[in-house]
Amino acid sequence: EEDEMTATTARTSTRTTPMLFSRQRQLLQLLDALGGTSGMLDFQKLLFLYCQEASTGEAPYDFVPYKFGAFSFTSYADRRKLIERGLLEDEDGWQITAEGRKIIGRTMDMQLAAFAKRHRGLHGDALVADTYRRFPFFATRSEIAERVLKGDDAALARIKAVRAKATGSALSTIGYEGHTLESYLTILLKSGVTLLCDVRRNPISRKYGFSKNTLARGCEGVGIRYEHLPELGIASEQRQSLDTQADYDALFSDYERTWLPKQGAALKKIEGWIDAGERVTLTCYEHQPNQCHRHCVAEALEGKASKELTAKHL
């Protein structure tokens, strides 16, 4: 996973506890500050509020609008890892273990303590409703907004107002470099994307969330269709020793001349999605489109389109 680990390890009498990511340590510290135990939905909302209110440094987790409001796929992946390490109990809710308390130490972060004091009495629907009122974008895909905000027409109207309004077919591209799964999906949602087309030859990533199956599930969870067209990818061995923009340009020139013309069926498939009204985004790794072959695919589609089509790079 592409992240920086904290430098601290904790030793027990029998073994060395594996190092924690900084975000995992903060998660454990927050849970401990809240009393060491919390329900699944409650803790997700409290973690969300803590990340939104963090006054110093970068928030440990990003979130995306989901079935019950703000949700972090990454926090649940971390939960599984922390259970495996014996730092969280394998229960229905979130519960820190004695080993978990030991690894985070006794020093209480003042910001965490103040946050816990302010929010410890907020639970269930009242907690969910508070997040919806304060951060309406993250309630835009909620299945329970009408229930928890019953009678609060103003809050429901704010949620409706911030839903993506983009309509009509479109083509765009995006790279996941520098993104978490949640920040990436949020960009897609805010752009009104309805279909994500993965143009990697081998859709495997060391970064959580961007291997094919996990990315597909994330897209499905927020209402975006996922499709994979590996035939539009470039073999990894061809991408070695790309040190300058001239190296990239030479690779893409060869791709456009020798490979892309043979992929008429794949391009036709994307054309069909666009013609059917889908808002399609082509995705690969690199942040800069001029260092990724997806811009070649986009330009080929622009040239083939039966109507005016200009790809936007998200």
Protein backbone atom coordinates (compact mmCIF):
# COMPACT_ATOMS: atom_id res chain seq x y z
CA GLU A 1 0.00 0.00 0.00
CA GLU A 2 1.29 3.45 -0.93
CA ASP A 3 1.33 5.32 2.38
CA GLU A 4 3.79 6.34 5.06
CA MET A 5 4.03 4.34 8.23
CA THR A 6 4.62 5.80 11.65
CA ALA A 7 8.10 5.13 12.93
CA THR A 8 7.00 3.80 16.30
CA THR A 9 6.60 0.14 17.14
CA ALA A 10 5.37 -1.41 20.36
CA ARG A 11 6.87 -4.53 21.90
CA THR A 12 5.07 -7.13 23.96
CA SER A 13 6.71 -9.86 26.00
CA THR A 14 6.30 -12.38 23.20
CA ARG A 15 6.42 -10.52 19.90
CA THR A 16 6.79 -7.20 18.11
CA THR A 17 3.55 -5.55 17.09
CA PRO A 18 3.62 -4.59 13.39
CA MET A 19 3.97 -0.90 12.65
CA LEU A 20 0.78 1.09 12.17
CA PHE A 21 -0.12 3.60 9.51
CA SER A 22 -0.62 7.04 11.00
CA ARG A 23 -4.32 6.94 10.12
CA GLN A 24 -4.75 3.58 11.89
CA ARG A 25 -3.13 4.98 15.03
CA GLN A 26 -5.49 7.97 14.95
CA LEU A 27 -8.45 5.65 14.48
CA LEU A 28 -7.48 3.67 17.58
CA GLN A 29 -6.85 6.85 19.54
CA LEU A 30 -10.28 8.22 18.63
CA LEU A 31 -12.00 4.99 19.59
CA ASP A 32 -10.14 4.96 22.91
CA ALA A 33 -11.09 8.59 23.58
CA LEU A 34 -14.74 7.68 23.00
CA GLY A 35 -14.55 5.02 25.68
CA GLY A 36 -13.11 2.13 23.71
CA THR A 37 -16.30 0.86 22.12
CA SER A 38 -18.85 2.13 19.61
CA GLY A 39 -21.54 0.86 17.25
CA MET A 40 -20.69 0.39 13.58
CA LEU A 41 -22.73 3.29 12.24
CA ASP A 42 -22.01 5.57 15.20
CA PHE A 43 -18.26 5.21 14.91
CA GLN A 44 -18.29 5.76 11.16
CA LYS A 45 -20.16 9.05 11.67
CA LEU A 46 -17.94 10.11 14.58
CA LEU A 47 -14.81 9.32 12.57
CA PHE A 48 -16.26 11.38 9.72
CA LEU A 49 -16.96 14.36 11.98
CA TYR A 50 -13.50 14.11 13.51
CA CYS A 51 -11.92 14.17 10.03
CA GLN A 52 -14.03 17.18 9.00
CA GLU A 53 -13.20 19.09 12.17
CA ALA A 54 -9.48 18.27 12.28
CA SER A 55 -7.80 21.64 12.76
CA THR A 56 -4.18 20.62 12.19
CA GLY A 57 -2.61 18.41 9.56
CA GLU A 58 -4.31 16.28 6.95
CA ALA A 59 -7.45 14.36 7.90
CA PRO A 60 -6.62 10.64 8.28
CA TYR A 61 -9.56 9.46 6.14
CA ASP A 62 -11.57 10.67 3.16
CA PHE A 63 -15.26 9.85 2.80
CA VAL A 64 -17.81 9.35 0.05
CA PRO A 65 -21.62 9.66 0.01
CA TYR A 66 -23.04 6.18 0.63
CA LYS A 67 -26.16 4.28 1.68
CA PHE A 68 -26.23 5.67 5.22
CA GLY A 69 -24.29 8.87 4.59
CA ALA A 70 -20.56 9.54 4.80
CA PHE A 71 -18.56 6.31 4.48
CA SER A 72 -14.88 5.40 4.32
CA PHE A 73 -14.05 2.14 2.56
CA THR A 74 -10.46 2.57 3.75
CA SER A 75 -11.47 2.69 7.42
CA TYR A 76 -13.26 -0.64 7.08
CA ALA A 77 -10.26 -2.16 5.33
CA ASP A 78 -8.15 -0.91 8.23
CA ARG A 79 -10.66 -2.37 10.69
CA ARG A 80 -10.11 -5.82 9.19
CA LYS A 81 -6.32 -5.41 9.45
CA LEU A 82 -6.51 -4.19 13.05
CA ILE A 83 -8.69 -7.17 14.00
CA GLU A 84 -6.13 -9.49 12.41
CA ARG A 85 -3.40 -7.85 14.49
CA GLY A 86 -5.39 -8.22 17.70
CA LEU A 87 -5.83 -4.46 18.18
CA LEU A 88 -9.62 -4.50 17.70
CA GLU A 89 -12.12 -7.11 18.85
CA ASP A 90 -13.83 -9.17 16.16
CA GLU A 91 -17.30 -8.02 17.20
CA ASP A 92 -20.29 -6.41 15.46
CA GLY A 93 -19.18 -2.94 16.58
CA TRP A 94 -15.84 -1.21 17.06
CA GLN A 95 -14.04 -2.26 20.26
CA ILE A 96 -10.40 -1.69 21.13
CA THR A 97 -8.43 -4.47 22.82
CA ALA A 98 -5.92 -4.22 25.65
CA GLU A 99 -3.20 -4.69 23.04
CA GLY A 100 -4.70 -1.84 21.03
CA ARG A 101 -4.55 0.46 24.06
CA LYS A 102 -0.98 -0.61 24.72
CA ILE A 103 0.24 0.26 21.24
CA ILE A 104 -1.23 3.78 21.27
CA GLY A 105 0.15 4.55 24.72
CA ARG A 106 -1.29 6.54 27.58
CA THR A 107 -0.81 10.10 26.32
CA MET A 108 -4.17 11.60 25.34
CA ASP A 109 -4.27 13.98 22.38
CA MET A 110 -6.03 17.16 23.54
CA GLN A 111 -7.87 17.61 20.25
CA LEU A 112 -9.18 14.05 20.43
CA ALA A 113 -10.20 14.50 24.06
CA ALA A 114 -12.08 17.71 23.29
CA PHE A 115 -13.81 16.10 20.30
CA ALA A 116 -14.86 13.07 22.36
CA LYS A 117 -16.24 15.30 25.11
CA ARG A 118 -18.35 17.27 22.62
CA HIS A 119 -19.78 14.24 20.82
CA ARG A 120 -19.88 11.40 23.33
CA GLY A 121 -23.60 11.88 24.03
CA LEU A 122 -24.69 11.83 20.37
CA HIS A 123 -25.84 8.44 19.05
CA GLY A 124 -28.02 6.73 16.46
CA ASP A 125 -30.41 8.74 14.31
CA ALA A 126 -29.57 11.98 16.12
CA LEU A 127 -25.90 11.58 15.22
CA VAL A 128 -26.69 10.66 11.61
CA ALA A 129 -29.08 13.61 11.28
CA ASP A 130 -26.40 15.96 12.64
CA THR A 131 -23.94 14.88 9.93
CA TYR A 132 -26.63 15.26 7.25
CA ARG A 133 -27.51 18.79 8.36
CA ARG A 134 -23.91 19.93 8.58
CA PHE A 135 -22.57 18.16 5.49
CA PRO A 136 -25.48 17.66 3.06
CA PHE A 137 -23.33 16.46 0.15
CA PHE A 138 -22.50 13.28 2.06
CA ALA A 139 -26.22 12.52 2.45
CA THR A 140 -26.95 12.69 -1.28
CA ARG A 141 -27.01 8.89 -1.65
CA SER A 142 -28.53 8.11 1.73
CA GLU A 143 -31.34 5.56 1.94
CA ILE A 144 -32.44 6.82 5.36
CA ALA A 145 -32.43 10.62 4.97
CA GLU A 146 -36.22 10.88 4.78
CA ARG A 147 -36.56 8.96 8.05
CA VAL A 148 -33.84 10.57 10.16
CA LEU A 149 -34.71 14.08 8.92
CA LYS A 150 -38.47 13.63 9.04
CA GLY A 151 -40.07 17.04 9.42
CA ASP A 152 -36.85 18.92 8.63
CA ASP A 153 -37.80 20.06 5.14
CA ALA A 154 -35.01 22.62 5.01
CA ALA A 155 -32.30 19.99 5.56
CA LEU A 156 -33.84 17.66 2.99
CA ALA A 157 -33.99 20.54 0.51
CA ARG A 158 -30.27 21.27 1.03
CA ILE A 159 -29.44 17.64 0.30
CA LYS A 160 -31.50 17.72 -2.89
CA ALA A 161 -29.85 20.97 -3.96
CA VAL A 162 -26.30 19.61 -3.81
CA ARG A 163 -26.94 16.41 -5.78
CA ALA A 164 -25.02 16.28 -9.08
CA LYS A 165 -27.12 17.86 -11.81
CA ALA A 166 -24.95 16.99 -14.82
CA THR A 167 -27.02 15.42 -17.59
CA GLY A 168 -26.44 14.20 -21.13
CA SER A 169 -23.67 12.03 -22.51
CA ALA A 170 -20.05 13.07 -21.95
CA LEU A 171 -16.48 11.81 -22.06
CA SER A 172 -13.77 12.52 -19.51
CA THR A 173 -10.60 10.94 -18.14
CA ILE A 174 -9.08 10.59 -14.67
CA GLY A 175 -5.96 9.11 -13.10
CA TYR A 176 -6.00 7.76 -9.56
CA GLU A 177 -2.45 8.86 -8.73
CA GLY A 178 -2.54 10.93 -5.55
CA HIS A 179 -6.10 9.94 -4.65
CA THR A 180 -7.69 7.75 -2.03
CA LEU A 181 -10.56 5.59 -3.25
CA GLU A 182 -12.97 7.96 -1.53
CA SER A 183 -11.57 11.21 -2.96
CA TYR A 184 -11.49 9.61 -6.41
CA LEU A 185 -15.11 8.44 -6.23
CA THR A 186 -16.18 11.84 -4.93
CA ILE A 187 -14.72 13.54 -8.01
CA LEU A 188 -16.64 11.12 -10.22
CA LEU A 189 -19.88 11.76 -8.35
CA LYS A 190 -19.51 15.53 -8.42
CA SER A 191 -18.87 15.33 -12.17
CA GLY A 192 -22.03 13.30 -12.74
CA VAL A 193 -20.11 10.30 -14.11
CA THR A 194 -22.32 7.26 -14.71
CA LEU A 195 -19.78 4.79 -16.17
CA LEU A 196 -16.10 4.28 -15.33
CA CYS A 197 -14.09 2.55 -18.07
CA ASP A 198 -10.81 1.09 -16.82
CA VAL A 199 -8.27 1.06 -19.67
CA ARG A 200 -5.42 -0.61 -17.76
CA ARG A 201 -4.01 -3.82 -19.24
CA ASN A 202 -3.53 -5.27 -15.75
CA PRO A 203 -5.86 -3.56 -13.24
CA ILE A 204 -3.82 -4.39 -10.14
CA SER A 205 -2.57 -1.78 -7.70
CA ARG A 206 -0.61 -1.79 -4.44
CA LYS A 207 -2.71 1.19 -3.40
CA TYR A 208 -5.88 0.20 -1.56
CA GLY A 209 -9.05 0.54 -3.59
CA PHE A 210 -7.67 0.52 -7.11
CA SER A 211 -7.36 -3.15 -8.01
CA LYS A 212 -10.18 -4.24 -10.27
CA ASN A 213 -12.55 -5.99 -7.86
CA THR A 214 -12.29 -3.40 -5.09
CA LEU A 215 -12.67 -0.51 -7.51
CA ALA A 216 -15.67 -2.17 -9.17
CA ARG A 217 -17.37 -2.70 -5.79
CA GLY A 218 -16.68 0.89 -4.79
CA CYS A 219 -18.18 2.19 -8.02
CA GLU A 220 -21.22 -0.05 -7.69
CA GLY A 221 -21.72 1.14 -4.11
CA VAL A 222 -22.09 4.76 -5.21
CA GLY A 223 -24.16 4.03 -8.32
CA ILE A 224 -21.44 4.18 -10.98
CA ARG A 225 -21.15 1.36 -13.52
CA TYR A 226 -17.66 -0.15 -13.88
CA GLU A 227 -16.32 -1.64 -17.13
CA HIS A 228 -12.85 -2.94 -17.93
CA LEU A 229 -11.38 -2.94 -21.45
CA PRO A 230 -7.89 -4.46 -21.06
CA GLU A 231 -7.38 -4.52 -24.82
CA LEU A 232 -6.93 -0.73 -24.68
CA GLY A 233 -4.05 -1.01 -22.20
CA ILE A 234 -0.30 -0.93 -22.72
CA ALA A 235 1.81 -3.87 -21.56
CA SER A 236 3.84 -3.08 -18.45
CA GLU A 237 7.14 -4.03 -20.11
CA GLN A 238 6.58 -1.23 -22.64
CA ARG A 239 6.29 1.28 -19.82
CA GLN A 240 9.77 0.73 -18.41
CA SER A 241 12.39 3.50 -18.49
CA LEU A 242 10.01 6.38 -19.11
CA ASP A 243 12.15 9.20 -17.74
CA THR A 244 11.18 12.22 -19.81
CA GLN A 245 8.09 13.54 -21.57
CA ALA A 246 9.83 12.69 -24.84
CA ASP A 247 9.91 9.03 -23.72
CA TYR A 248 6.16 9.14 -23.03
CA ASP A 249 5.46 10.85 -26.34
CA ALA A 250 7.40 8.18 -28.26
CA LEU A 251 5.49 5.39 -26.49
CA PHE A 252 2.12 6.99 -27.20
CA SER A 253 3.03 7.69 -30.80
CA ASP A 254 3.77 4.01 -31.30
CA TYR A 255 0.56 3.06 -29.43
CA GLU A 256 -1.53 5.29 -31.69
CA ARG A 257 0.17 4.02 -34.83
CA THR A 258 0.43 0.28 -34.22
CA TRP A 259 -2.03 -0.77 -31.50
CA LEU A 260 -5.00 1.55 -31.16
CA PRO A 261 -6.16 1.17 -34.81
CA LYS A 262 -6.65 -2.57 -34.12
CA GLN A 263 -9.02 -1.88 -31.21
CA GLY A 264 -12.03 -0.80 -33.23
CA ALA A 265 -14.40 -3.10 -31.32
CA ALA A 266 -13.41 -1.65 -27.95
CA LEU A 267 -13.68 1.93 -29.20
CA LYS A 268 -17.06 1.12 -30.73
CA LYS A 269 -18.22 -0.20 -27.36
CA ILE A 270 -17.35 3.10 -25.67
CA GLU A 271 -19.02 5.04 -28.50
CA GLY A 272 -22.15 2.98 -27.89
CA TRP A 273 -22.17 3.84 -24.18
CA ILE A 274 -21.83 7.54 -24.98
CA ASP A 275 -24.52 7.39 -27.66
CA ALA A 276 -26.80 5.72 -25.11
CA GLY A 277 -26.43 8.77 -22.84
CA GLU A 278 -23.75 7.56 -20.42
CA ARG A 279 -21.30 10.03 -18.91
CA VAL A 280 -18.13 7.96 -19.43
CA THR A 281 -14.77 8.45 -17.73
CA LEU A 282 -11.64 6.62 -18.89
CA THR A 283 -9.29 5.76 -16.05
CA CYS A 284 -5.71 4.66 -15.51
CA TYR A 285 -2.98 5.50 -12.97
CA GLU A 286 -1.10 8.65 -13.94
CA HIS A 287 -2.42 12.02 -12.77
CA GLN A 288 -1.21 13.90 -15.84
CA PRO A 289 -3.12 12.84 -18.98
CA ASN A 290 -0.09 13.54 -21.20
CA GLN A 291 1.76 10.80 -19.30
CA CYS A 292 -1.03 8.25 -19.74
CA HIS A 293 -2.35 6.47 -22.80
CA ARG A 294 -5.94 7.30 -21.81
CA HIS A 295 -5.54 10.64 -23.60
CA CYS A 296 -4.83 8.72 -26.82
CA VAL A 297 -8.04 6.73 -26.38
CA ALA A 298 -9.99 9.92 -25.65
CA GLU A 299 -8.63 11.63 -28.76
CA ALA A 300 -9.50 8.62 -30.91
CA LEU A 301 -13.07 8.74 -29.60
CA GLU A 302 -13.29 12.48 -30.23
CA GLY A 303 -12.34 11.84 -33.85
CA LYS A 304 -14.85 9.03 -34.29
CA ALA A 305 -17.85 10.61 -32.54
CA SER A 306 -20.96 11.20 -34.62
CA LYS A 307 -21.56 14.43 -32.69
CA GLU A 308 -19.25 17.03 -31.19
CA LEU A 309 -17.35 15.46 -28.30
CA THR A 310 -14.54 16.94 -26.23
CA ALA A 311 -12.99 14.95 -23.42
CA LYS A 312 -12.52 16.71 -20.09
CA HIS A 313 -9.65 15.68 -17.84
CA LEU A 314 -10.87 15.46 -14.24
